[in-house]
């Protein structure tokens, strides 16, 4: 079996992390998944 490469780190700039936490939960989930896709080296369809 091949091991999957580690996720790339997310680097938050300024108050971006704090700002995301003020969004409604469904929006946070959607953005979180888009960040995960980017960490894996992909591009989410909504970006």
PDB file of N, CA and C in Angstrom:
ATOM      1  N   UNK A   1       0.833  -1.189   0.000  1.00  0.00           N
ATOM      2  CA  UNK A   1       0.000   0.000   0.000  1.00  0.00           C
ATOM      3  C   UNK A   1       0.875   1.249   0.000  1.00  0.00           C
ATOM      4  N   UNK A   2       0.404   2.258  -0.673  1.00  0.00           N
ATOM      5  CA  UNK A   2       1.138   3.518  -0.675  1.00  0.00           C
ATOM      6  C   UNK A   2       0.497   4.481   0.313  1.00  0.00           C
ATOM      7  N   UNK A   3       1.342   5.159   1.049  1.00  0.00           N
ATOM      8  CA  UNK A   3       0.844   6.143   2.010  1.00  0.00           C
ATOM      9  C   UNK A   3       0.516   7.440   1.288  1.00  0.00           C
ATOM     10  N   UNK A   4      -0.553   8.074   1.693  1.00  0.00           N
ATOM     11  CA  UNK A   4      -0.919   9.353   1.093  1.00  0.00           C
ATOM     12  C   UNK A   4      -0.007  10.441   1.636  1.00  0.00           C
ATOM     13  N   UNK A   5       0.358  11.419   0.792  1.00  0.00           N
ATOM     14  CA  UNK A   5       1.223  12.493   1.284  1.00  0.00           C
ATOM     15  C   UNK A   5       0.503  13.329   2.336  1.00  0.00           C
ATOM     16  N   UNK A   6       1.270  13.955   3.224  1.00  0.00           N
ATOM     17  CA  UNK A   6       0.631  14.782   4.263  1.00  0.00           C
ATOM     18  C   UNK A   6      -0.068  15.991   3.650  1.00  0.00           C
ATOM     19  N   UNK A   7      -1.049  16.512   4.377  1.00  0.00           N
ATOM     20  CA  UNK A   7      -1.772  17.695   3.920  1.00  0.00           C
ATOM     21  C   UNK A   7      -0.852  18.908   3.957  1.00  0.00           C
ATOM     22  N   UNK A   8      -1.024  19.790   2.989  1.00  0.00           N
ATOM     23  CA  UNK A   8      -0.297  21.056   3.018  1.00  0.00           C
ATOM     24  C   UNK A   8      -0.900  21.918   4.128  1.00  0.00           C
ATOM     25  N   UNK A   9      -0.087  22.731   4.789  1.00  0.00           N
ATOM     26  CA  UNK A   9      -0.630  23.564   5.872  1.00  0.00           C
ATOM     27  C   UNK A   9      -1.484  24.711   5.338  1.00  0.00           C
ATOM     28  N   UNK A  10      -2.452  25.131   6.135  1.00  0.00           N
ATOM     29  CA  UNK A  10      -3.244  26.323   5.829  1.00  0.00           C
ATOM     30  C   UNK A  10      -2.593  27.478   6.578  1.00  0.00           C
ATOM     31  N   UNK A  11      -2.268  28.532   5.867  1.00  0.00           N
ATOM     32  CA  UNK A  11      -1.672  29.710   6.488  1.00  0.00           C
ATOM     33  C   UNK A  11      -2.724  30.808   6.496  1.00  0.00           C
ATOM     34  N   UNK A  12      -3.222  31.125   7.682  1.00  0.00           N
ATOM     35  CA  UNK A  12      -4.248  32.140   7.844  1.00  0.00           C
ATOM     36  C   UNK A  12      -3.574  33.509   7.870  1.00  0.00           C
ATOM     37  N   UNK A  13      -4.156  34.467   7.178  1.00  0.00           N
ATOM     38  CA  UNK A  13      -3.600  35.814   7.092  1.00  0.00           C
ATOM     39  C   UNK A  13      -4.537  36.784   7.800  1.00  0.00           C
ATOM     40  N   UNK A  14      -3.958  37.609   8.646  1.00  0.00           N
ATOM     41  CA  UNK A  14      -4.750  38.611   9.357  1.00  0.00           C
ATOM     42  C   UNK A  14      -5.852  37.972  10.178  1.00  0.00           C
ATOM     43  N   UNK A  15      -7.055  38.484  10.031  1.00  0.00           N
ATOM     44  CA  UNK A  15      -8.194  37.988  10.813  1.00  0.00           C
ATOM     45  C   UNK A  15      -9.031  36.974  10.034  1.00  0.00           C
ATOM     46  N   UNK A  16      -8.476  36.396   8.959  1.00  0.00           N
ATOM     47  CA  UNK A  16      -9.270  35.518   8.095  1.00  0.00           C
ATOM     48  C   UNK A  16      -9.874  34.332   8.838  1.00  0.00           C
ATOM     49  N   UNK A  17      -9.111  33.702   9.722  1.00  0.00           N
ATOM     50  CA  UNK A  17      -9.651  32.553  10.465  1.00  0.00           C
ATOM     51  C   UNK A  17     -10.794  32.995  11.373  1.00  0.00           C
ATOM     52  N   UNK A  18     -10.602  34.094  12.061  1.00  0.00           N
ATOM     53  CA  UNK A  18     -11.641  34.635  12.944  1.00  0.00           C
ATOM     54  C   UNK A  18     -12.880  35.019  12.125  1.00  0.00           C
ATOM     55  N   UNK A  19     -12.671  35.603  10.960  1.00  0.00           N
ATOM     56  CA  UNK A  19     -13.787  36.010  10.100  1.00  0.00           C
ATOM     57  C   UNK A  19     -14.596  34.811   9.623  1.00  0.00           C
ATOM     58  N   UNK A  20     -13.915  33.742   9.241  1.00  0.00           N
ATOM     59  CA  UNK A  20     -14.615  32.541   8.771  1.00  0.00           C
ATOM     60  C   UNK A  20     -15.502  31.977   9.877  1.00  0.00           C
ATOM     61  N   UNK A  21     -15.050  32.060  11.106  1.00  0.00           N
ATOM     62  CA  UNK A  21     -15.825  31.529  12.229  1.00  0.00           C
ATOM     63  C   UNK A  21     -17.109  32.314  12.497  1.00  0.00           C
ATOM     64  N   UNK A  22     -17.252  33.498  11.899  1.00  0.00           N
ATOM     65  CA  UNK A  22     -18.485  34.271  12.072  1.00  0.00           C
ATOM     66  C   UNK A  22     -19.545  33.894  11.044  1.00  0.00           C
ATOM     67  N   UNK A  23     -19.178  33.113  10.036  1.00  0.00           N
ATOM     68  CA  UNK A  23     -20.125  32.713   8.997  1.00  0.00           C
ATOM     69  C   UNK A  23     -21.055  31.620   9.521  1.00  0.00           C
ATOM     70  N   UNK A  24     -22.223  31.444   8.896  1.00  0.00           N
ATOM     71  CA  UNK A  24     -23.122  30.352   9.294  1.00  0.00           C
ATOM     72  C   UNK A  24     -22.424  28.989   9.141  1.00  0.00           C
ATOM     73  N   UNK A  25     -22.826  28.044   9.969  1.00  0.00           N
ATOM     74  CA  UNK A  25     -22.202  26.719   9.985  1.00  0.00           C
ATOM     75  C   UNK A  25     -22.133  26.048   8.602  1.00  0.00           C
ATOM     76  N   UNK A  26     -23.211  26.070   7.784  1.00  0.00           N
ATOM     77  CA  UNK A  26     -23.110  25.434   6.462  1.00  0.00           C
ATOM     78  C   UNK A  26     -22.035  26.084   5.578  1.00  0.00           C
ATOM     79  N   UNK A  27     -21.870  27.390   5.696  1.00  0.00           N
ATOM     80  CA  UNK A  27     -20.844  28.088   4.915  1.00  0.00           C
ATOM     81  C   UNK A  27     -19.457  27.689   5.412  1.00  0.00           C
ATOM     82  N   UNK A  28     -19.291  27.595   6.725  1.00  0.00           N
ATOM     83  CA  UNK A  28     -18.011  27.160   7.282  1.00  0.00           C
ATOM     84  C   UNK A  28     -17.658  25.754   6.793  1.00  0.00           C
ATOM     85  N   UNK A  29     -18.643  24.873   6.765  1.00  0.00           N
ATOM     86  CA  UNK A  29     -18.415  23.504   6.298  1.00  0.00           C
ATOM     87  C   UNK A  29     -17.978  23.487   4.841  1.00  0.00           C
ATOM     88  N   UNK A  30     -18.655  24.273   4.022  1.00  0.00           N
ATOM     89  CA  UNK A  30     -18.341  24.339   2.595  1.00  0.00           C
ATOM     90  C   UNK A  30     -16.928  24.887   2.373  1.00  0.00           C
ATOM     91  N   UNK A  31     -16.599  25.950   3.069  1.00  0.00           N
ATOM     92  CA  UNK A  31     -15.273  26.543   2.943  1.00  0.00           C
ATOM     93  C   UNK A  31     -14.195  25.602   3.497  1.00  0.00           C
ATOM     94  N   UNK A  32     -14.524  24.925   4.584  1.00  0.00           N
ATOM     95  CA  UNK A  32     -13.585  23.967   5.155  1.00  0.00           C
ATOM     96  C   UNK A  32     -13.268  22.840   4.193  1.00  0.00           C
ATOM     97  N   UNK A  33     -14.282  22.346   3.504  1.00  0.00           N
ATOM     98  CA  UNK A  33     -14.044  21.283   2.526  1.00  0.00           C
ATOM     99  C   UNK A  33     -13.211  21.805   1.353  1.00  0.00           C
ATOM    100  N   UNK A  34     -13.486  23.023   0.911  1.00  0.00           N
ATOM    101  CA  UNK A  34     -12.699  23.620  -0.176  1.00  0.00           C
ATOM    102  C   UNK A  34     -11.235  23.759   0.241  1.00  0.00           C
ATOM    103  N   UNK A  35     -10.995  24.142   1.486  1.00  0.00           N
ATOM    104  CA  UNK A  35      -9.624  24.218   1.985  1.00  0.00           C
ATOM    105  C   UNK A  35      -8.973  22.837   2.025  1.00  0.00           C
ATOM    106  N   UNK A  36      -9.730  21.838   2.428  1.00  0.00           N
ATOM    107  CA  UNK A  36      -9.212  20.467   2.452  1.00  0.00           C
ATOM    108  C   UNK A  36      -8.800  20.018   1.047  1.00  0.00           C
ATOM    109  N   UNK A  37      -9.649  20.291   0.065  1.00  0.00           N
ATOM    110  CA  UNK A  37      -9.327  19.922  -1.315  1.00  0.00           C
ATOM    111  C   UNK A  37      -8.031  20.606  -1.756  1.00  0.00           C
ATOM    112  N   UNK A  38      -7.884  21.880  -1.391  1.00  0.00           N
ATOM    113  CA  UNK A  38      -6.657  22.607  -1.733  1.00  0.00           C
ATOM    114  C   UNK A  38      -5.448  22.004  -1.021  1.00  0.00           C
ATOM    115  N   UNK A  39      -5.616  21.596   0.218  1.00  0.00           N
ATOM    116  CA  UNK A  39      -4.520  20.982   0.959  1.00  0.00           C
ATOM    117  C   UNK A  39      -4.071  19.686   0.309  1.00  0.00           C
ATOM    118  N   UNK A  40      -4.990  18.998  -0.349  1.00  0.00           N
ATOM    119  CA  UNK A  40      -4.675  17.741  -1.031  1.00  0.00           C
ATOM    120  C   UNK A  40      -4.077  17.998  -2.415  1.00  0.00           C
ATOM    121  N   UNK A  41      -4.014  19.279  -2.822  1.00  0.00           N
ATOM    122  CA  UNK A  41      -3.427  19.612  -4.124  1.00  0.00           C
ATOM    123  C   UNK A  41      -4.445  19.804  -5.230  1.00  0.00           C
ATOM    124  N   UNK A  42      -5.725  19.794  -4.888  1.00  0.00           N
ATOM    125  CA  UNK A  42      -6.775  19.960  -5.888  1.00  0.00           C
ATOM    126  C   UNK A  42      -7.332  21.367  -5.900  1.00  0.00           C
ATOM    127  N   UNK A  43      -8.409  21.512  -6.655  1.00  0.00           N
ATOM    128  CA  UNK A  43      -9.098  22.798  -6.747  1.00  0.00           C
ATOM    129  C   UNK A  43     -10.595  22.516  -6.665  1.00  0.00           C
ATOM    130  N   UNK A  44     -11.230  23.055  -5.645  1.00  0.00           N
ATOM    131  CA  UNK A  44     -12.667  22.877  -5.460  1.00  0.00           C
ATOM    132  C   UNK A  44     -13.414  23.553  -6.612  1.00  0.00           C
ATOM    133  N   UNK A  45     -14.531  23.013  -6.997  1.00  0.00           N
ATOM    134  CA  UNK A  45     -15.271  23.538  -8.153  1.00  0.00           C
ATOM    135  C   UNK A  45     -15.791  24.956  -7.936  1.00  0.00           C
ATOM    136  N   UNK A  46     -15.929  25.403  -6.694  1.00  0.00           N
ATOM    137  CA  UNK A  46     -16.442  26.742  -6.403  1.00  0.00           C
ATOM    138  C   UNK A  46     -15.330  27.784  -6.234  1.00  0.00           C
ATOM    139  N   UNK A  47     -14.086  27.408  -6.497  1.00  0.00           N
ATOM    140  CA  UNK A  47     -12.996  28.369  -6.346  1.00  0.00           C
ATOM    141  C   UNK A  47     -12.571  28.947  -7.669  1.00  0.00           C
TER     142      UNK A  47
END
